Amino acid sequence: MTPESPLQPAAIAEWIFAIATRFLARSLNMPEPLVHSTGAYVFAHVAAVETRAAKTLCPVALSRRLRAWFRELIA
């Protein structure tokens, strides 16, 4: 985009998200603030699950579990 262009990429993205939120709210027959808060709630839960999964799949933790498992099999 040229510097004199009034449409910056961030402004376009913000406008598209606002339109998408409005369309989603109307299609679900919900007020827009409720759509926003529900989206934040879902995002928080997904982030928590991803963090939990990352801790579970940590290479150091996995190697400890495997070593303990092999020790139990040998002993």
C-alpha atoms as a PDB file:
ATOM      1  CA  MET A   1       0.000   0.000   0.000  1.00  0.00           C
ATOM      2  CA  THR A   2       1.176   3.500  -0.687  1.00  0.00           C
ATOM      3  CA  PRO A   3       1.701   5.939   2.216  1.00  0.00           C
ATOM      4  CA  GLU A   4      -1.071   8.249   0.978  1.00  0.00           C
ATOM      5  CA  SER A   5      -3.591   5.380   0.893  1.00  0.00           C
ATOM      6  CA  PRO A   6      -6.245   5.775   3.622  1.00  0.00           C
ATOM      7  CA  LEU A   7      -6.741   2.013   3.890  1.00  0.00           C
ATOM      8  CA  GLN A   8      -4.041   0.524   6.068  1.00  0.00           C
ATOM      9  CA  PRO A   9      -3.937  -3.274   6.498  1.00  0.00           C
ATOM     10  CA  ALA A  10      -4.695  -3.020  10.228  1.00  0.00           C
ATOM     11  CA  ALA A  11      -7.744  -0.863   9.570  1.00  0.00           C
ATOM     12  CA  ILE A  12      -8.993  -3.273   6.923  1.00  0.00           C
ATOM     13  CA  ALA A  13      -8.533  -6.256   9.261  1.00  0.00           C
ATOM     14  CA  GLU A  14     -10.352  -4.463  12.085  1.00  0.00           C
ATOM     15  CA  TRP A  15     -13.224  -3.613   9.735  1.00  0.00           C
ATOM     16  CA  ILE A  16     -13.453  -7.215   8.477  1.00  0.00           C
ATOM     17  CA  PHE A  17     -13.515  -8.595  12.032  1.00  0.00           C
ATOM     18  CA  ALA A  18     -16.243  -6.127  13.008  1.00  0.00           C
ATOM     19  CA  ILE A  19     -18.363  -7.137  10.013  1.00  0.00           C
ATOM     20  CA  ALA A  20     -17.774 -10.844  10.700  1.00  0.00           C
ATOM     21  CA  THR A  21     -18.739 -10.403  14.348  1.00  0.00           C
ATOM     22  CA  ARG A  22     -21.878  -8.516  13.354  1.00  0.00           C
ATOM     23  CA  PHE A  23     -22.862 -11.220  10.839  1.00  0.00           C
ATOM     24  CA  LEU A  24     -22.191 -14.005  13.339  1.00  0.00           C
ATOM     25  CA  ALA A  25     -24.209 -12.233  16.033  1.00  0.00           C
ATOM     26  CA  ARG A  26     -27.135 -11.756  13.678  1.00  0.00           C
ATOM     27  CA  SER A  27     -27.025 -15.328  12.411  1.00  0.00           C
ATOM     28  CA  LEU A  28     -27.004 -16.665  15.986  1.00  0.00           C
ATOM     29  CA  ASN A  29     -29.592 -14.086  17.089  1.00  0.00           C
ATOM     30  CA  MET A  30     -27.256 -12.905  19.876  1.00  0.00           C
ATOM     31  CA  PRO A  31     -26.101  -9.427  20.870  1.00  0.00           C
ATOM     32  CA  GLU A  32     -22.610  -8.493  19.668  1.00  0.00           C
ATOM     33  CA  PRO A  33     -21.108  -8.068  23.188  1.00  0.00           C
ATOM     34  CA  LEU A  34     -22.179 -11.612  24.025  1.00  0.00           C
ATOM     35  CA  VAL A  35     -20.466 -12.889  20.877  1.00  0.00           C
ATOM     36  CA  HIS A  36     -17.292 -11.046  21.927  1.00  0.00           C
ATOM     37  CA  SER A  37     -17.346 -12.412  25.485  1.00  0.00           C
ATOM     38  CA  THR A  38     -18.088 -15.949  24.277  1.00  0.00           C
ATOM     39  CA  GLY A  39     -15.160 -15.714  21.889  1.00  0.00           C
ATOM     40  CA  ALA A  40     -12.879 -14.578  24.714  1.00  0.00           C
ATOM     41  CA  TYR A  41     -14.117 -17.447  26.909  1.00  0.00           C
ATOM     42  CA  VAL A  42     -13.473 -20.029  24.184  1.00  0.00           C
ATOM     43  CA  PHE A  43     -10.047 -18.539  23.477  1.00  0.00           C
ATOM     44  CA  ALA A  44      -9.114 -18.777  27.174  1.00  0.00           C
ATOM     45  CA  HIS A  45     -10.145 -22.430  27.334  1.00  0.00           C
ATOM     46  CA  VAL A  46      -8.274 -23.327  24.152  1.00  0.00           C
ATOM     47  CA  ALA A  47      -5.157 -21.550  25.447  1.00  0.00           C
ATOM     48  CA  ALA A  48      -5.405 -23.479  28.733  1.00  0.00           C
ATOM     49  CA  VAL A  49      -5.734 -26.813  26.909  1.00  0.00           C
ATOM     50  CA  GLU A  50      -2.785 -26.004  24.662  1.00  0.00           C
ATOM     51  CA  THR A  51      -0.660 -25.070  27.673  1.00  0.00           C
ATOM     52  CA  ARG A  52      -1.615 -28.306  29.425  1.00  0.00           C
ATOM     53  CA  ALA A  53      -0.811 -30.311  26.308  1.00  0.00           C
ATOM     54  CA  ALA A  54       2.537 -28.565  25.904  1.00  0.00           C
ATOM     55  CA  LYS A  55       3.473 -29.421  29.487  1.00  0.00           C
ATOM     56  CA  THR A  56       2.430 -33.026  28.947  1.00  0.00           C
ATOM     57  CA  LEU A  57       4.401 -33.339  25.719  1.00  0.00           C
ATOM     58  CA  CYS A  58       7.533 -31.644  27.049  1.00  0.00           C
ATOM     59  CA  PRO A  59      10.560 -33.703  25.901  1.00  0.00           C
ATOM     60  CA  VAL A  60      12.174 -33.659  29.349  1.00  0.00           C
ATOM     61  CA  ALA A  61       9.008 -34.888  31.046  1.00  0.00           C
ATOM     62  CA  LEU A  62       8.484 -37.549  28.392  1.00  0.00           C
ATOM     63  CA  SER A  63      12.035 -38.839  28.776  1.00  0.00           C
ATOM     64  CA  ARG A  64      11.558 -39.065  32.552  1.00  0.00           C
ATOM     65  CA  ARG A  65       8.334 -41.012  32.100  1.00  0.00           C
ATOM     66  CA  LEU A  66       9.907 -43.377  29.598  1.00  0.00           C
ATOM     67  CA  ARG A  67      12.917 -44.024  31.845  1.00  0.00           C
ATOM     68  CA  ALA A  68      10.611 -44.705  34.808  1.00  0.00           C
ATOM     69  CA  TRP A  69       8.476 -46.995  32.663  1.00  0.00           C
ATOM     70  CA  PHE A  70      11.526 -48.956  31.467  1.00  0.00           C
ATOM     71  CA  ARG A  71      12.811 -49.228  35.047  1.00  0.00           C
ATOM     72  CA  GLU A  72       9.478 -50.753  36.076  1.00  0.00           C
ATOM     73  CA  LEU A  73       9.616 -53.227  33.193  1.00  0.00           C
ATOM     74  CA  ILE A  74      13.172 -54.315  33.999  1.00  0.00           C
ATOM     75  CA  ALA A  75      12.704 -54.533  37.775  1.00  0.00           C
END
